[in-house]
Amino acid sequence: QRRVHGEQVFKKPLIVTNYPAEIKSFYMKQSSDGRTVEAMDILVPNIGEIIGGSAREDDFAKLEALSAKKGISTDGLWWYMDLRKFGSAPHSGFGLGFERLLMLVTGITNVRDVIPFPRYPGNAVY
């Protein structure tokens, strides 16, 4: 649905903010309305999401409650939880899809044609 809006309705890059909390990760900071998270994506027609980012929950108690609400065990995430257990500063994170940026810059329409290090079965050491 996000992609349809960018490609068919606006026909230009689109910034989407305030995603519904139930479809996003537990570590994303909830907005004051309690229904959405402080997140954003930049969507480009014919490419999709090129940049995505969100504020991270820095309150340990809220983070514990959100993970429990979503049914996510934090046993394997002890290191992440410890980063917030003794206090954390408000912070955010984002990511830029390098291959999608190359698609935007070059005009190449298939992501497989811009991957600098192609991945295929049996190629990875691990």
C-alpha atoms as a PDB file:
ATOM      1  CA  GLN A   1       0.000   0.000   0.000  1.00  0.00           C
ATOM      2  CA  ARG A   2       2.889   2.401   0.773  1.00  0.00           C
ATOM      3  CA  ARG A   3       4.423   1.679  -2.599  1.00  0.00           C
ATOM      4  CA  VAL A   4       1.136   2.227  -4.435  1.00  0.00           C
ATOM      5  CA  HIS A   5       0.822   5.715  -2.941  1.00  0.00           C
ATOM      6  CA  GLY A   6       4.326   6.662  -4.022  1.00  0.00           C
ATOM      7  CA  GLU A   7       4.040   5.246  -7.534  1.00  0.00           C
ATOM      8  CA  GLN A   8       0.418   5.846  -8.516  1.00  0.00           C
ATOM      9  CA  VAL A   9      -0.877   8.698  -6.365  1.00  0.00           C
ATOM     10  CA  PHE A  10       2.053  11.077  -5.861  1.00  0.00           C
ATOM     11  CA  LYS A  11       4.420   9.852  -8.608  1.00  0.00           C
ATOM     12  CA  LYS A  12       7.446  11.269  -6.761  1.00  0.00           C
ATOM     13  CA  PRO A  13       9.434  10.431  -3.618  1.00  0.00           C
ATOM     14  CA  LEU A  14       7.228  10.225  -0.562  1.00  0.00           C
ATOM     15  CA  ILE A  15       8.068  10.441   3.145  1.00  0.00           C
ATOM     16  CA  VAL A  16       5.827   8.291   5.329  1.00  0.00           C
ATOM     17  CA  THR A  17       5.787   8.926   9.100  1.00  0.00           C
ATOM     18  CA  ASN A  18       3.997   7.649  12.199  1.00  0.00           C
ATOM     19  CA  TYR A  19       3.503   3.995  11.336  1.00  0.00           C
ATOM     20  CA  PRO A  20       0.957   1.951  13.323  1.00  0.00           C
ATOM     21  CA  ALA A  21       2.760   0.495  16.342  1.00  0.00           C
ATOM     22  CA  GLU A  22       1.389  -3.025  15.823  1.00  0.00           C
ATOM     23  CA  ILE A  23       3.268  -3.481  12.533  1.00  0.00           C
ATOM     24  CA  LYS A  24       6.644  -2.174  13.704  1.00  0.00           C
ATOM     25  CA  SER A  25       9.417  -3.572  15.901  1.00  0.00           C
ATOM     26  CA  PHE A  26       9.176  -3.555  19.690  1.00  0.00           C
ATOM     27  CA  TYR A  27      12.225  -1.317  20.104  1.00  0.00           C
ATOM     28  CA  MET A  28      10.680   1.631  18.227  1.00  0.00           C
ATOM     29  CA  LYS A  29       9.599   4.508  20.450  1.00  0.00           C
ATOM     30  CA  GLN A  30       5.842   4.903  20.642  1.00  0.00           C
ATOM     31  CA  SER A  31       4.354   8.298  19.812  1.00  0.00           C
ATOM     32  CA  SER A  32       2.370  10.207  22.404  1.00  0.00           C
ATOM     33  CA  ASP A  33      -0.902   8.968  20.854  1.00  0.00           C
ATOM     34  CA  GLY A  34      -0.015   5.377  21.864  1.00  0.00           C
ATOM     35  CA  ARG A  35      -1.085   4.033  18.467  1.00  0.00           C
ATOM     36  CA  THR A  36       1.891   4.924  16.274  1.00  0.00           C
ATOM     37  CA  VAL A  37       5.684   4.866  16.476  1.00  0.00           C
ATOM     38  CA  GLU A  38       8.196   7.600  15.781  1.00  0.00           C
ATOM     39  CA  ALA A  39       9.388   6.176  12.479  1.00  0.00           C
ATOM     40  CA  MET A  40       9.775   7.258   8.872  1.00  0.00           C
ATOM     41  CA  ASP A  41      10.519   5.833   5.443  1.00  0.00           C
ATOM     42  CA  ILE A  42      11.403   7.561   2.205  1.00  0.00           C
ATOM     43  CA  LEU A  43       9.738   5.753  -0.671  1.00  0.00           C
ATOM     44  CA  VAL A  44      10.791   6.271  -4.284  1.00  0.00           C
ATOM     45  CA  PRO A  45       8.561   5.270  -7.223  1.00  0.00           C
ATOM     46  CA  ASN A  46       9.586   2.004  -8.924  1.00  0.00           C
ATOM     47  CA  ILE A  47      12.239   1.378  -6.251  1.00  0.00           C
ATOM     48  CA  GLY A  48      10.461   1.246  -2.885  1.00  0.00           C
ATOM     49  CA  GLU A  49      11.928   2.147   0.489  1.00  0.00           C
ATOM     50  CA  ILE A  50      15.296   3.812   0.065  1.00  0.00           C
ATOM     51  CA  ILE A  51      15.740   5.130   3.630  1.00  0.00           C
ATOM     52  CA  GLY A  52      14.068   3.970   6.834  1.00  0.00           C
ATOM     53  CA  GLY A  53      14.539   5.195  10.364  1.00  0.00           C
ATOM     54  CA  SER A  54      13.022   5.417  13.811  1.00  0.00           C
ATOM     55  CA  ALA A  55      13.512   6.689  17.320  1.00  0.00           C
ATOM     56  CA  ARG A  56      14.465   3.866  19.691  1.00  0.00           C
ATOM     57  CA  GLU A  57      12.833   3.226  23.041  1.00  0.00           C
ATOM     58  CA  ASP A  58      15.265   4.292  25.747  1.00  0.00           C
ATOM     59  CA  ASP A  59      13.101   3.464  28.795  1.00  0.00           C
ATOM     60  CA  PHE A  60      13.934  -0.052  30.034  1.00  0.00           C
ATOM     61  CA  ALA A  61      10.510  -0.698  31.613  1.00  0.00           C
ATOM     62  CA  LYS A  62       8.681   0.354  28.441  1.00  0.00           C
ATOM     63  CA  LEU A  63      11.006  -1.774  26.327  1.00  0.00           C
ATOM     64  CA  GLU A  64      10.318  -4.814  28.518  1.00  0.00           C
ATOM     65  CA  ALA A  65       6.560  -4.196  28.339  1.00  0.00           C
ATOM     66  CA  LEU A  66       6.592  -3.755  24.562  1.00  0.00           C
ATOM     67  CA  SER A  67       8.600  -6.941  23.991  1.00  0.00           C
ATOM     68  CA  ALA A  68       6.210  -8.892  26.235  1.00  0.00           C
ATOM     69  CA  LYS A  69       3.177  -7.398  24.491  1.00  0.00           C
ATOM     70  CA  LYS A  70       4.527  -8.515  21.106  1.00  0.00           C
ATOM     71  CA  GLY A  71       5.505 -11.943  22.443  1.00  0.00           C
ATOM     72  CA  ILE A  72       9.225 -11.434  21.877  1.00  0.00           C
ATOM     73  CA  SER A  73      11.572 -13.229  24.241  1.00  0.00           C
ATOM     74  CA  THR A  74      14.440 -11.012  25.338  1.00  0.00           C
ATOM     75  CA  ASP A  75      16.621 -13.944  26.461  1.00  0.00           C
ATOM     76  CA  GLY A  76      18.741 -13.711  23.310  1.00  0.00           C
ATOM     77  CA  LEU A  77      18.615  -9.928  23.427  1.00  0.00           C
ATOM     78  CA  TRP A  78      20.114  -9.547  26.906  1.00  0.00           C
ATOM     79  CA  TRP A  79      22.911  -7.368  25.508  1.00  0.00           C
ATOM     80  CA  TYR A  80      20.379  -4.993  23.902  1.00  0.00           C
ATOM     81  CA  MET A  81      18.268  -4.821  27.030  1.00  0.00           C
ATOM     82  CA  ASP A  82      21.384  -4.171  29.177  1.00  0.00           C
ATOM     83  CA  LEU A  83      22.140  -1.097  27.070  1.00  0.00           C
ATOM     84  CA  ARG A  84      18.929   0.421  28.442  1.00  0.00           C
ATOM     85  CA  LYS A  85      18.767  -1.175  31.886  1.00  0.00           C
ATOM     86  CA  PHE A  86      21.020   1.382  33.547  1.00  0.00           C
ATOM     87  CA  GLY A  87      19.808   4.388  31.590  1.00  0.00           C
ATOM     88  CA  SER A  88      20.058   5.526  28.025  1.00  0.00           C
ATOM     89  CA  ALA A  89      19.959   8.783  26.131  1.00  0.00           C
ATOM     90  CA  PRO A  90      17.190   9.439  23.621  1.00  0.00           C
ATOM     91  CA  HIS A  91      18.477   8.252  20.263  1.00  0.00           C
ATOM     92  CA  SER A  92      17.440   7.185  16.769  1.00  0.00           C
ATOM     93  CA  GLY A  93      18.729   5.125  13.907  1.00  0.00           C
ATOM     94  CA  PHE A  94      18.288   4.918  10.168  1.00  0.00           C
ATOM     95  CA  GLY A  95      19.464   2.926   7.201  1.00  0.00           C
ATOM     96  CA  LEU A  96      20.041   3.694   3.554  1.00  0.00           C
ATOM     97  CA  GLY A  97      19.592   0.849   1.071  1.00  0.00           C
ATOM     98  CA  PHE A  98      22.804   1.064  -0.957  1.00  0.00           C
ATOM     99  CA  GLU A  99      21.533  -1.041  -3.863  1.00  0.00           C
ATOM    100  CA  ARG A 100      18.342   1.006  -4.021  1.00  0.00           C
ATOM    101  CA  LEU A 101      20.383   4.218  -3.988  1.00  0.00           C
ATOM    102  CA  LEU A 102      22.330   2.860  -6.964  1.00  0.00           C
ATOM    103  CA  MET A 103      19.041   2.140  -8.719  1.00  0.00           C
ATOM    104  CA  LEU A 104      17.948   5.748  -8.139  1.00  0.00           C
ATOM    105  CA  VAL A 105      21.239   7.234  -9.361  1.00  0.00           C
ATOM    106  CA  THR A 106      21.741   4.978 -12.391  1.00  0.00           C
ATOM    107  CA  GLY A 107      18.155   4.402 -13.486  1.00  0.00           C
ATOM    108  CA  ILE A 108      18.672   0.638 -13.488  1.00  0.00           C
ATOM    109  CA  THR A 109      15.300  -0.977 -12.773  1.00  0.00           C
ATOM    110  CA  ASN A 110      16.269  -4.381 -11.386  1.00  0.00           C
ATOM    111  CA  VAL A 111      17.989  -4.594  -7.995  1.00  0.00           C
ATOM    112  CA  ARG A 112      19.899  -7.716  -9.077  1.00  0.00           C
ATOM    113  CA  ASP A 113      21.762  -5.626 -11.643  1.00  0.00           C
ATOM    114  CA  VAL A 114      23.187  -3.166  -9.088  1.00  0.00           C
ATOM    115  CA  ILE A 115      24.327  -5.540  -6.339  1.00  0.00           C
ATOM    116  CA  PRO A 116      28.109  -5.065  -6.142  1.00  0.00           C
ATOM    117  CA  PHE A 117      28.706  -8.450  -4.502  1.00  0.00           C
ATOM    118  CA  PRO A 118      26.106 -10.909  -5.820  1.00  0.00           C
ATOM    119  CA  ARG A 119      24.963 -13.613  -3.456  1.00  0.00           C
ATOM    120  CA  TYR A 120      24.056 -17.072  -4.675  1.00  0.00           C
ATOM    121  CA  PRO A 121      23.785 -20.551  -3.115  1.00  0.00           C
ATOM    122  CA  GLY A 122      27.147 -21.978  -2.123  1.00  0.00           C
ATOM    123  CA  ASN A 123      28.920 -18.585  -2.405  1.00  0.00           C
ATOM    124  CA  ALA A 124      29.039 -17.649   1.276  1.00  0.00           C
ATOM    125  CA  VAL A 125      31.718 -19.101   3.501  1.00  0.00           C
ATOM    126  CA  TYR A 126      29.276 -19.409   6.412  1.00  0.00           C
END
